[in-house]
Amino acid sequence: MKKNYKYLIILTLCSSIVLAQENESEHFINVGQFMVAEGTILSSDYMFENSPTGNFENKGKIYYYNDFKNDNLFYSSGLVKDATVLFSSKDVKKRIQISGQKPIEFQNVEFEHINSDLGFMLSNEISVKGNSNFISGIIEVIEKKGMFTFLNNSNALNASDLSHVRGAVEKQGSQNFVFPIGEGGFFRPAMISAPKDIQDVVVAQYRLNDTPFFENHKSTTGAIKKLNDKEYWKLDAKLKSKETVILSLTWDDRTTPSDLLKNPEDELHIVRWDDKQQLWVDEGGVVDMSTKTVTTPTTIKDFGFFTLAAVKRDWILDGDVVIYNLVTPDGDGKNDYFIIDNIQKYPNNRVEIYNRWGIKVFETTGYDPNGDGSSNVFTGYSEGKITVDKSKKLPSGTYYYVVTYEYKDDNGSRMIKKAANLHLETN
């Protein structure tokens, strides 16, 4: 039996309404105007459906113990900060479906399933203006159908192994945020610093044991000693400004390979897959042993795929500057220029390159100002300020570089200088 509600308005304060289900065929369907007033409690065991003609406004507290489908307007008044919808189940074998053709807006939402492994399946778009409380039950987001969005100044509370989002989570606005994401029964959050604009959007997802992904993403820069090839985080963004965010990731003894954790305080960094170079590059890392957290020392260069890696400390200079000693300018996107990671953070810099006879073939200041190789970099041509045969392609061979940059920290300013061999392949 289906129960249709049309033009029903609940206005009574401090009232309580319970809709009990007698059999599996019963539905609670709204086809008109329905408002749950402030101070009102509504509890339903029926499968809920807000039809294409339904308009449902919540100012009170609603308990849904069955599937939820929204095909029109379902929203909470912005003036009522404690309006809440709680999804739960009284059936240990039932996964709650949250579906429909139109987005759902909550002021506050809570998830509490008697079977945390079964949880909830989200094939619609939901957004939260206030708090989302993860009590128990995994929320699985169906790719290309569902999205879990946190609006500006909203919060994710109490996420854990027992309750988090498996799939994509979107954060809108300008505030620090901890993404309540995970997979395989593990809560594996990603944390970002506050973006600059209230309209900025960052989307994050965590993946575990995705072997095909790492088979296609193997290459690493020389500073990386051991890559975490068991898990990764994907972050995409639409930002108003060019400045990105500071990123924090955690390690977990149950998911992170043990050979990465032999000396995490000194060696563990965040690395990013660079699409242009087609390899993993170092984003740096500040380690907090008490929380098992690694944080990039500055804003990340770009968004994309991230994971953890143990790095070779002897390759890394002050300020997490890393110099790579191979240039192969063949247009394949790998080592097409002389890469010096993070040099753009220290604009008072100088790069000199000499051939084996000691003749200077390249010199510049303010090297790679954008940090992406798009300008003022060495690409295998003699094009410095005081060089021989300017704009001429140099022959393959072993060269010698001298990199100098000004580094500032709490102890003041000092010049860092590094010199070593550089291998050039132009054939």
Protein backbone atom coordinates (compact mmCIF):
# COMPACT_ATOMS: atom_id res chain seq x y z
CA MET A 1 0.00 0.00 0.00
CA LYS A 2 1.29 3.44 -0.92
CA LYS A 3 0.42 6.48 1.14
CA ASN A 4 0.34 9.80 -0.76
CA TYR A 5 0.54 13.11 1.09
CA LYS A 6 -0.62 16.26 -0.69
CA TYR A 7 -0.62 19.76 0.76
CA LEU A 8 0.14 18.47 4.24
CA ILE A 9 1.84 21.05 6.45
CA ILE A 10 3.07 20.12 9.91
CA LEU A 11 3.11 23.27 11.98
CA THR A 12 2.67 22.08 15.55
CA LEU A 13 5.69 22.80 17.71
CA CYS A 14 7.05 20.02 19.91
CA SER A 15 4.88 17.45 18.15
CA SER A 16 5.91 13.96 17.16
CA ILE A 17 4.68 11.96 14.17
CA VAL A 18 5.51 8.31 13.54
CA LEU A 19 4.79 6.55 10.24
CA ALA A 20 5.15 2.82 10.83
CA GLN A 21 5.63 0.24 8.09
CA GLU A 22 3.54 -2.90 8.06
CA ASN A 23 4.99 -4.55 4.94
CA GLU A 24 7.63 -4.03 2.29
CA SER A 25 5.22 -2.54 -0.28
CA GLU A 26 4.31 0.52 1.77
CA HIS A 27 5.65 3.91 0.75
CA PHE A 28 5.60 7.42 2.18
CA ILE A 29 5.12 9.59 -0.93
CA ASN A 30 4.89 13.36 -0.98
CA VAL A 31 3.16 14.77 -4.07
CA GLY A 32 2.51 18.33 -2.85
CA GLN A 33 3.66 20.77 -0.14
CA PHE A 34 5.09 19.22 3.02
CA MET A 35 6.85 21.08 5.82
CA VAL A 36 8.22 19.69 9.06
CA ALA A 37 8.03 22.62 11.46
CA GLU A 38 10.73 23.68 13.88
CA GLY A 39 10.60 21.56 17.03
CA THR A 40 8.72 18.76 15.27
CA ILE A 41 9.96 15.16 15.12
CA LEU A 42 8.95 12.96 12.18
CA SER A 43 9.84 9.26 12.11
CA SER A 44 9.16 6.99 9.14
CA ASP A 45 9.68 3.28 8.53
CA TYR A 46 8.25 3.63 5.01
CA MET A 47 10.26 3.93 1.83
CA PHE A 48 10.19 7.70 1.29
CA GLU A 49 9.63 9.31 -2.10
CA ASN A 50 9.42 13.02 -2.84
CA SER A 51 7.67 12.93 -6.22
CA PRO A 52 8.30 15.25 -9.21
CA THR A 53 5.46 17.44 -7.88
CA GLY A 54 6.59 17.32 -4.24
CA ASN A 55 8.04 20.23 -2.28
CA PHE A 56 9.50 19.14 1.07
CA GLU A 57 10.94 21.60 3.58
CA ASN A 58 12.48 20.46 6.86
CA LYS A 59 12.82 22.72 9.89
CA GLY A 60 12.59 19.96 12.48
CA LYS A 61 14.11 16.51 12.94
CA ILE A 62 13.34 13.55 10.68
CA TYR A 63 14.26 9.88 11.15
CA TYR A 64 14.23 7.77 7.99
CA TYR A 65 14.58 3.99 8.49
CA ASN A 66 14.19 2.99 4.86
CA ASP A 67 15.11 3.99 1.31
CA PHE A 68 14.96 7.65 0.35
CA LYS A 69 14.22 8.99 -3.14
CA ASN A 70 13.99 12.64 -4.12
CA ASP A 71 12.68 13.80 -7.50
CA ASN A 72 11.97 17.47 -6.74
CA LEU A 73 12.68 20.00 -3.96
CA PHE A 74 13.92 18.72 -0.60
CA TYR A 75 15.62 21.37 1.49
CA SER A 76 16.11 22.93 4.92
CA SER A 77 15.49 26.54 5.82
CA GLY A 78 18.74 28.43 6.35
CA LEU A 79 17.22 30.19 9.35
CA VAL A 80 16.85 26.97 11.36
CA LYS A 81 20.35 25.81 12.27
CA ASP A 82 19.35 22.60 14.07
CA ALA A 83 17.14 21.10 11.35
CA THR A 84 18.36 17.50 11.00
CA VAL A 85 17.73 14.39 8.93
CA LEU A 86 18.92 11.05 10.33
CA PHE A 87 19.28 7.98 8.12
CA SER A 88 19.22 4.64 9.87
CA SER A 89 18.02 1.06 9.48
CA LYS A 90 16.30 -1.41 11.73
CA ASP A 91 17.16 -4.26 9.38
CA VAL A 92 20.72 -5.55 9.78
CA LYS A 93 20.61 -6.99 6.24
CA LYS A 94 19.33 -3.90 4.41
CA ARG A 95 21.50 -1.30 2.72
CA ILE A 96 19.73 2.06 2.65
CA GLN A 97 19.39 3.56 -0.84
CA ILE A 98 19.53 7.36 -1.21
CA SER A 99 18.53 8.12 -4.79
CA GLY A 100 16.49 10.35 -7.09
CA GLN A 101 16.74 12.79 -9.97
CA LYS A 102 17.01 16.07 -8.05
CA PRO A 103 19.71 17.18 -5.54
CA ILE A 104 18.97 17.00 -1.82
CA GLU A 105 19.92 19.76 0.61
CA PHE A 106 20.36 19.20 4.34
CA GLN A 107 21.09 21.60 7.15
CA ASN A 108 22.42 18.72 9.26
CA VAL A 109 22.50 15.02 8.47
CA GLU A 110 23.42 11.93 10.49
CA PHE A 111 24.21 8.39 9.38
CA GLU A 112 23.70 5.49 11.79
CA HIS A 113 23.32 1.96 10.45
CA ILE A 114 23.01 -1.11 12.65
CA ASN A 115 25.40 -2.86 10.23
CA SER A 116 28.33 -0.51 9.62
CA ASP A 117 29.72 -2.62 6.75
CA LEU A 118 26.44 -2.51 4.82
CA GLY A 119 25.61 1.14 5.37
CA PHE A 120 24.23 3.40 2.67
CA MET A 121 24.35 3.70 -1.12
CA LEU A 122 24.24 7.21 -2.57
CA SER A 123 23.19 7.58 -6.22
CA ASN A 124 22.03 11.19 -5.95
CA GLU A 125 23.66 14.49 -5.09
CA ILE A 126 23.41 15.63 -1.48
CA SER A 127 24.74 18.84 0.06
CA VAL A 128 25.23 19.79 3.70
CA LYS A 129 25.07 23.34 5.04
CA GLY A 130 25.80 22.54 8.69
CA ASN A 131 27.16 19.28 10.08
CA SER A 132 27.32 15.74 8.77
CA ASN A 133 27.67 13.32 11.66
CA PHE A 134 29.16 9.93 10.77
CA ILE A 135 28.07 7.57 13.54
CA SER A 136 28.10 4.16 11.85
CA GLY A 137 27.72 2.87 8.33
CA ILE A 138 29.82 3.42 5.19
CA ILE A 139 28.31 5.79 2.60
CA GLU A 140 29.16 4.44 -0.86
CA VAL A 141 28.93 7.08 -3.59
CA ILE A 142 28.02 5.66 -7.00
CA GLU A 143 30.41 7.10 -9.59
CA LYS A 144 28.83 9.51 -12.12
CA LYS A 145 25.51 9.35 -10.25
CA GLY A 146 26.19 10.45 -6.71
CA MET A 147 28.10 13.26 -4.99
CA PHE A 148 28.51 14.20 -1.33
CA THR A 149 29.01 17.98 -1.08
CA PHE A 150 29.93 20.09 1.94
CA LEU A 151 28.98 23.74 1.46
CA ASN A 152 30.87 26.72 2.89
CA ASN A 153 31.35 26.53 6.68
CA SER A 154 29.98 22.99 6.90
CA ASN A 155 31.73 20.24 8.84
CA ALA A 156 32.29 16.49 8.79
CA LEU A 157 32.09 15.06 12.31
CA ASN A 158 33.23 11.77 13.86
CA ALA A 159 34.33 10.00 10.66
CA SER A 160 36.04 6.70 11.45
CA ASP A 161 36.61 3.19 10.14
CA LEU A 162 32.98 2.51 11.05
CA SER A 163 31.56 5.45 9.09
CA HIS A 164 32.97 7.52 6.23
CA VAL A 165 32.46 8.10 2.51
CA ARG A 166 33.68 5.61 -0.06
CA GLY A 167 33.84 7.69 -3.22
CA ALA A 168 34.08 11.36 -4.15
CA VAL A 169 33.52 14.13 -1.60
CA GLU A 170 33.25 17.76 -2.68
CA LYS A 171 34.08 20.76 -0.48
CA GLN A 172 32.96 24.26 -1.41
CA GLY A 173 34.16 27.42 0.30
CA SER A 174 37.14 29.00 2.03
CA GLN A 175 37.89 26.98 5.15
CA ASN A 176 40.21 24.23 6.34
CA PHE A 177 38.63 20.86 5.80
CA VAL A 178 39.15 17.18 6.61
CA PHE A 179 37.68 14.98 3.89
CA PRO A 180 35.81 12.03 5.53
CA ILE A 181 36.96 9.51 2.92
CA GLY A 182 38.18 5.93 2.92
CA GLU A 183 37.89 2.51 1.32
CA GLY A 184 38.04 -1.14 2.30
CA GLY A 185 36.75 -0.36 5.78
CA PHE A 186 39.59 2.09 6.49
CA PHE A 187 39.10 5.80 7.20
CA ARG A 188 41.89 7.55 5.25
CA PRO A 189 41.30 11.31 5.35
CA ALA A 190 42.89 14.07 3.31
CA MET A 191 43.18 17.50 4.90
CA ILE A 192 43.48 20.85 3.10
CA SER A 193 44.19 24.38 4.24
CA ALA A 194 41.62 27.08 3.53
CA PRO A 195 41.28 28.01 -0.16
CA LYS A 196 41.22 31.73 -0.90
CA ASP A 197 37.69 32.19 -2.26
CA ILE A 198 34.26 31.22 -0.97
CA GLN A 199 33.45 29.82 -4.43
CA ASP A 200 36.51 27.54 -4.55
CA VAL A 201 35.77 23.83 -4.94
CA VAL A 202 37.99 20.85 -4.06
CA VAL A 203 36.99 17.21 -4.65
CA ALA A 204 38.80 14.33 -2.94
CA GLN A 205 38.68 10.54 -3.12
CA TYR A 206 40.76 7.72 -1.63
CA ARG A 207 41.64 4.43 -3.36
CA LEU A 208 43.15 1.28 -1.87
CA ASN A 209 44.78 -1.67 -3.67
CA ASP A 210 44.23 -0.27 -7.17
CA THR A 211 46.92 -2.37 -8.85
CA PRO A 212 46.17 -1.33 -12.48
CA PHE A 213 46.59 2.32 -11.51
CA PHE A 214 50.11 1.83 -10.18
CA GLU A 215 51.03 -0.37 -13.13
CA ASN A 216 50.42 2.71 -15.28
CA HIS A 217 51.99 5.15 -12.81
CA LYS A 218 55.37 3.64 -11.95
CA SER A 219 57.99 6.24 -12.84
CA THR A 220 59.50 8.32 -10.04
CA THR A 221 62.01 11.12 -9.75
CA GLY A 222 65.45 10.24 -8.44
CA ALA A 223 64.77 11.64 -4.98
CA ILE A 224 62.10 9.02 -4.31
CA LYS A 225 63.47 5.90 -2.64
CA LYS A 226 60.26 3.92 -2.11
CA LEU A 227 56.75 4.69 -3.40
CA ASN A 228 53.56 3.77 -1.58
CA ASP A 229 51.96 1.68 -4.33
CA LYS A 230 49.07 0.40 -2.21
CA GLU A 231 46.99 3.55 -1.81
CA TYR A 232 46.50 7.01 -3.28
CA TRP A 233 44.35 10.09 -2.98
CA LYS A 234 42.87 11.97 -5.92
CA LEU A 235 42.22 15.70 -5.55
CA ASP A 236 40.65 17.92 -8.21
CA ALA A 237 39.84 21.59 -7.86
CA LYS A 238 38.23 24.66 -9.40
CA LEU A 239 39.88 27.69 -7.82
CA LYS A 240 39.44 31.40 -8.47
CA SER A 241 43.14 32.12 -7.95
CA LYS A 242 46.36 30.36 -8.93
CA GLU A 243 47.28 29.68 -5.31
CA THR A 244 46.49 26.12 -4.28
CA VAL A 245 46.32 24.60 -0.77
CA ILE A 246 48.55 22.94 1.79
CA LEU A 247 47.81 19.21 1.86
CA SER A 248 48.04 16.74 4.75
CA LEU A 249 47.82 12.95 4.47
CA THR A 250 48.15 10.24 7.10
CA TRP A 251 49.80 6.87 7.18
CA ASP A 252 48.20 3.77 8.65
CA ASP A 253 50.10 0.60 9.55
CA ARG A 254 47.22 -1.45 8.13
CA THR A 255 47.28 0.11 4.64
CA THR A 256 50.67 1.81 4.23
CA PRO A 257 53.57 -0.53 3.30
CA SER A 258 55.87 -1.13 6.26
CA ASP A 259 59.06 -0.50 4.28
CA LEU A 260 58.00 3.15 3.94
CA LEU A 261 57.82 3.53 7.70
CA LYS A 262 61.34 2.59 8.78
CA ASN A 263 62.24 6.24 9.39
CA PRO A 264 59.07 8.26 8.74
CA GLU A 265 60.12 11.35 10.66
CA ASP A 266 63.07 11.95 8.34
CA GLU A 267 62.03 10.28 5.10
CA LEU A 268 58.26 10.33 4.62
CA HIS A 269 57.00 12.90 2.09
CA ILE A 270 53.91 13.55 -0.01
CA VAL A 271 54.40 12.93 -3.73
CA ARG A 272 52.23 13.91 -6.71
CA TRP A 273 51.85 12.35 -10.15
CA ASP A 274 52.98 14.98 -12.67
CA ASP A 275 50.96 14.50 -15.86
CA LYS A 276 53.37 16.55 -17.95
CA GLN A 277 56.48 14.64 -16.89
CA GLN A 278 54.65 11.33 -16.41
CA LEU A 279 56.31 10.59 -13.08
CA TRP A 280 55.89 11.00 -9.33
CA VAL A 281 57.43 14.23 -8.01
CA ASP A 282 58.19 15.28 -4.45
CA GLU A 283 55.90 17.83 -2.76
CA GLY A 284 57.85 17.77 0.51
CA GLY A 285 56.78 16.69 3.95
CA VAL A 286 56.58 17.85 7.55
CA VAL A 287 55.89 14.83 9.76
CA ASP A 288 53.85 14.78 12.98
CA MET A 289 54.62 11.45 14.64
CA SER A 290 51.86 11.84 17.25
CA THR A 291 49.08 11.98 14.64
CA LYS A 292 50.88 10.02 11.88
CA THR A 293 50.38 12.97 9.57
CA VAL A 294 52.52 14.30 6.71
CA THR A 295 51.97 17.89 5.54
CA THR A 296 53.41 19.71 2.55
CA PRO A 297 55.59 22.59 3.78
CA THR A 298 53.96 24.99 1.30
CA THR A 299 51.03 24.91 -1.10
CA ILE A 300 51.06 22.04 -3.59
CA LYS A 301 52.16 22.82 -7.14
CA ASP A 302 49.07 21.28 -8.70
CA PHE A 303 46.17 18.92 -8.06
CA GLY A 304 45.86 15.32 -9.24
CA PHE A 305 46.98 12.01 -7.71
CA PHE A 306 48.88 11.95 -4.41
CA THR A 307 50.45 9.30 -2.22
CA LEU A 308 53.27 8.91 0.29
CA ALA A 309 56.88 7.99 -0.39
CA ALA A 310 60.17 7.53 1.42
CA VAL A 311 62.73 9.93 -0.04
CA LYS A 312 66.51 10.02 -0.26
CA ARG A 313 67.44 12.69 2.26
CA ASP A 314 70.86 13.28 0.70
CA TRP A 315 69.12 14.42 -2.49
CA ILE A 316 67.06 17.09 -0.77
CA LEU A 317 68.49 20.53 -0.05
CA ASP A 318 67.26 23.18 2.37
CA GLY A 319 63.71 24.23 1.56
CA ASP A 320 62.95 20.85 -0.06
CA VAL A 321 64.79 21.83 -3.23
CA VAL A 322 65.58 18.77 -5.36
CA ILE A 323 67.88 18.90 -8.39
CA TYR A 324 67.60 16.24 -11.10
CA ASN A 325 70.67 15.40 -13.13
CA LEU A 326 69.16 14.17 -16.41
CA VAL A 327 67.80 16.23 -19.33
CA THR A 328 66.29 14.51 -22.39
CA PRO A 329 64.57 17.23 -24.49
CA ASP A 330 62.80 14.89 -26.90
CA GLY A 331 59.26 16.15 -26.34
CA ASP A 332 57.98 13.08 -24.51
CA GLY A 333 57.16 15.10 -21.39
CA LYS A 334 59.81 13.36 -19.28
CA ASN A 335 62.91 15.32 -18.24
CA ASP A 336 62.44 17.71 -21.17
CA TYR A 337 64.16 20.42 -19.15
CA PHE A 338 66.55 20.74 -16.21
CA ILE A 339 64.18 20.13 -13.30
CA ILE A 340 64.84 21.80 -9.96
CA ASP A 341 61.88 21.09 -7.70
CA ASN A 342 60.70 24.03 -5.56
CA ILE A 343 63.28 26.49 -6.92
CA GLN A 344 60.44 28.92 -7.73
CA LYS A 345 59.92 29.38 -3.98
CA TYR A 346 63.36 31.00 -3.80
CA PRO A 347 63.36 33.55 -6.65
CA ASN A 348 66.77 34.94 -5.69
CA ASN A 349 68.54 32.12 -7.49
CA ARG A 350 71.15 31.56 -10.18
CA VAL A 351 71.70 28.53 -12.43
CA GLU A 352 74.92 27.99 -14.38
CA ILE A 353 75.81 25.07 -16.65
CA TYR A 354 79.30 24.31 -18.01
CA ASN A 355 80.56 21.80 -20.53
CA ARG A 356 83.42 19.41 -19.78
CA TRP A 357 86.00 22.01 -20.88
CA GLY A 358 84.70 24.52 -18.35
CA ILE A 359 82.97 26.74 -20.90
CA LYS A 360 79.72 28.23 -19.67
CA VAL A 361 76.85 27.16 -21.93
CA PHE A 362 73.92 28.41 -19.86
CA GLU A 363 73.31 31.01 -17.18
CA THR A 364 70.21 32.64 -15.81
CA THR A 365 68.65 34.09 -12.65
CA GLY A 366 65.11 33.55 -11.41
CA TYR A 367 65.08 30.02 -12.81
CA ASP A 368 61.72 28.36 -13.60
CA PRO A 369 59.56 31.09 -11.98
CA ASN A 370 56.30 29.18 -12.50
CA GLY A 371 57.65 25.84 -11.29
CA ASP A 372 56.35 24.02 -14.35
CA GLY A 373 59.13 24.40 -16.91
CA SER A 374 57.15 26.88 -19.00
CA SER A 375 59.75 29.67 -18.95
CA ASN A 376 63.38 30.48 -18.18
CA VAL A 377 64.64 26.89 -18.00
CA PHE A 378 67.47 24.90 -19.59
CA THR A 379 66.20 22.68 -22.43
CA GLY A 380 69.49 21.62 -23.98
CA TYR A 381 70.25 24.86 -25.80
CA SER A 382 73.02 27.38 -25.15
CA GLU A 383 70.95 30.44 -24.32
CA GLY A 384 72.28 32.05 -21.15
CA LYS A 385 73.50 35.59 -20.58
CA ILE A 386 77.21 34.90 -21.09
CA THR A 387 77.43 31.71 -23.12
CA VAL A 388 78.92 30.42 -26.37
CA ASP A 389 76.85 29.76 -29.49
CA LYS A 390 73.54 31.07 -28.16
CA SER A 391 70.37 29.24 -29.24
CA LYS A 392 72.41 26.29 -30.52
CA LYS A 393 71.42 22.76 -29.55
CA LEU A 394 74.11 21.29 -27.35
CA PRO A 395 75.57 17.82 -28.00
CA SER A 396 74.84 14.88 -25.74
CA GLY A 397 77.27 14.39 -22.91
CA THR A 398 78.11 15.13 -19.31
CA TYR A 399 77.88 18.74 -18.17
CA TYR A 400 78.32 20.44 -14.82
CA TYR A 401 75.75 22.59 -13.04
CA VAL A 402 76.04 25.17 -10.26
CA VAL A 403 72.79 26.14 -8.53
CA THR A 404 72.73 28.92 -5.95
CA TYR A 405 69.67 30.24 -4.11
CA GLU A 406 68.82 32.35 -1.07
CA TYR A 407 67.10 30.38 1.68
CA LYS A 408 65.31 32.03 4.60
CA ASP A 409 64.13 30.44 7.83
CA ASP A 410 63.79 31.34 11.51
CA ASN A 411 67.57 31.66 11.76
CA GLY A 412 67.77 34.28 9.03
CA SER A 413 68.93 34.24 5.41
CA ARG A 414 71.76 32.30 3.81
CA MET A 415 72.91 31.27 0.35
CA ILE A 416 72.72 27.57 -0.57
CA LYS A 417 75.03 26.29 -3.30
CA LYS A 418 74.99 22.91 -5.02
CA ALA A 419 77.24 21.71 -7.85
CA ALA A 420 77.28 18.31 -9.60
CA ASN A 421 77.21 16.54 -12.95
CA LEU A 422 74.31 16.95 -15.38
CA HIS A 423 73.67 14.38 -18.11
CA LEU A 424 72.24 15.68 -21.39
CA GLU A 425 70.81 13.42 -24.11
CA THR A 426 69.88 15.32 -27.30
CA ASN A 427 70.31 12.57 -29.89
